[in-house]
Amino acid sequence: MNQHTTFGQELTDVRIFTMETEVEDLKSLIDKLLPDQGCIEVQRDVAHKEHAWHHHETDETLVILDGSVRFYWDGGERICEPGSVISLPAGVRHGSVALEDGATYLIAFHNAQLTHHG
């Protein structure tokens, strides 16, 4: 079952999901995240690496593959583990901290339409 929690302000909507699909099926996941033309990023953060408060000019979709992060934004915070998907609209101020085992995740620079979004 999907766990779908929506947080945000009037015009912003940060969503964090737990995917039904396995993150081990990387080819399928990458195919879903890739835009028609362009790329995605693979990010690895060591334990306690912090990306302090910042924002982006484009939408982003992050998928946690391994480890865990504490993701925070003006409306709250959440621990994200393998299978968590963060749907982050452009302009939303946020940050993250990798927890004890660090974290590896994919970043798509658009609002990826994964099958769990509804």
Protein backbone atom coordinates (compact mmCIF):
# COMPACT_ATOMS: atom_id res chain seq x y z
CA MET A 1 0.00 0.00 0.00
CA ASN A 2 1.25 3.49 -0.79
CA GLN A 3 1.84 5.80 2.06
CA HIS A 4 1.02 9.27 0.80
CA THR A 5 1.53 12.30 2.96
CA THR A 6 1.11 15.81 1.62
CA PHE A 7 2.66 18.74 3.37
CA GLY A 8 2.93 22.31 2.22
CA GLN A 9 1.70 25.81 2.08
CA GLU A 10 -0.98 27.41 -0.09
CA LEU A 11 0.84 27.17 -3.41
CA THR A 12 3.54 24.62 -2.62
CA ASP A 13 3.09 20.91 -2.21
CA VAL A 14 5.94 18.75 -0.94
CA ARG A 15 4.94 15.10 -1.22
CA ILE A 16 6.73 12.07 0.16
CA PHE A 17 5.61 8.61 -0.93
CA THR A 18 6.61 5.04 -0.21
CA MET A 19 6.83 3.26 -3.53
CA GLU A 20 5.17 -0.09 -4.18
CA THR A 21 7.90 -1.10 -6.64
CA GLU A 22 11.27 -2.40 -5.54
CA VAL A 23 14.19 0.04 -5.79
CA GLU A 24 16.41 -2.94 -6.74
CA ASP A 25 14.86 -2.84 -10.25
CA LEU A 26 17.07 0.11 -11.20
CA LYS A 27 16.61 -0.11 -14.98
CA SER A 28 12.84 0.20 -14.66
CA LEU A 29 13.14 3.02 -12.11
CA ILE A 30 15.67 4.91 -14.24
CA ASP A 31 13.46 4.54 -17.32
CA LYS A 32 10.56 6.05 -15.35
CA LEU A 33 12.65 8.96 -14.07
CA LEU A 34 14.47 9.91 -17.27
CA PRO A 35 12.94 12.76 -19.28
CA ASP A 36 12.46 12.32 -23.05
CA GLN A 37 15.78 14.15 -23.48
CA GLY A 38 18.18 14.77 -20.63
CA CYS A 39 19.54 13.12 -17.54
CA ILE A 40 19.08 12.26 -13.89
CA GLU A 41 21.68 12.46 -11.14
CA VAL A 42 22.92 9.78 -8.76
CA GLN A 43 23.89 11.32 -5.42
CA ARG A 44 25.80 9.67 -2.56
CA ASP A 45 26.04 11.41 0.79
CA VAL A 46 28.29 10.17 3.60
CA ALA A 47 26.89 9.94 7.13
CA HIS A 48 25.87 13.35 8.52
CA LYS A 49 26.37 15.19 5.19
CA GLU A 50 23.98 18.14 5.23
CA HIS A 51 22.56 20.06 2.32
CA ALA A 52 21.52 23.14 4.31
CA TRP A 53 18.49 25.30 3.47
CA HIS A 54 18.26 26.04 -0.26
CA HIS A 55 15.80 25.99 -3.16
CA HIS A 56 15.82 25.11 -6.85
CA GLU A 57 14.37 26.82 -9.91
CA THR A 58 12.99 23.54 -11.28
CA ASP A 59 10.79 20.78 -9.89
CA GLU A 60 12.68 17.77 -8.55
CA THR A 61 11.83 14.15 -7.83
CA LEU A 62 14.17 12.27 -5.48
CA VAL A 63 14.12 8.50 -4.94
CA ILE A 64 16.03 7.08 -1.96
CA LEU A 65 17.88 3.90 -3.01
CA ASP A 66 19.97 3.11 0.06
CA GLY A 67 20.50 4.48 3.57
CA SER A 68 18.30 7.23 4.96
CA VAL A 69 18.00 11.01 5.10
CA ARG A 70 16.16 13.48 7.27
CA PHE A 71 14.46 15.71 4.71
CA TYR A 72 13.16 19.05 5.99
CA TRP A 73 11.26 22.01 4.57
CA ASP A 74 9.37 25.04 5.93
CA GLY A 75 6.31 22.86 6.58
CA GLY A 76 8.00 20.01 8.48
CA GLU A 77 10.45 17.14 8.24
CA ARG A 78 10.47 13.41 7.57
CA ILE A 79 12.90 10.48 7.68
CA CYS A 80 13.13 8.99 4.18
CA GLU A 81 14.39 5.45 3.59
CA PRO A 82 14.82 3.17 0.54
CA GLY A 83 11.70 3.41 -1.61
CA SER A 84 10.77 6.91 -0.43
CA VAL A 85 10.00 9.36 -3.21
CA ILE A 86 10.17 13.11 -2.59
CA SER A 87 8.21 15.25 -5.03
CA LEU A 88 9.54 18.77 -4.63
CA PRO A 89 8.10 21.76 -6.54
CA ALA A 90 10.37 24.54 -7.78
CA GLY A 91 11.05 27.30 -5.27
CA VAL A 92 10.36 25.29 -2.09
CA ARG A 93 12.99 25.95 0.57
CA HIS A 94 14.33 22.66 1.93
CA GLY A 95 17.37 20.73 3.13
CA SER A 96 18.50 17.25 4.09
CA VAL A 97 20.91 15.40 6.35
CA ALA A 98 22.17 11.86 5.65
CA LEU A 99 21.76 9.66 8.71
CA GLU A 100 24.22 7.15 10.23
CA ASP A 101 24.67 4.90 7.16
CA GLY A 102 24.73 7.75 4.64
CA ALA A 103 22.38 7.71 1.64
CA THR A 104 22.31 7.08 -2.09
CA TYR A 105 19.49 8.53 -4.16
CA LEU A 106 18.39 9.48 -7.67
CA ILE A 107 17.39 13.03 -8.59
CA ALA A 108 15.21 13.84 -11.61
CA PHE A 109 15.04 17.54 -12.46
CA HIS A 110 11.32 17.51 -13.17
CA ASN A 111 8.12 16.22 -11.59
CA ALA A 112 8.48 12.58 -12.60
CA GLN A 113 5.20 10.83 -13.20
CA LEU A 114 5.87 7.60 -11.33
CA THR A 115 3.01 5.09 -11.16
CA HIS A 116 2.33 5.78 -7.45
CA HIS A 117 1.47 9.46 -8.01
CA GLY A 118 -2.22 9.99 -7.94
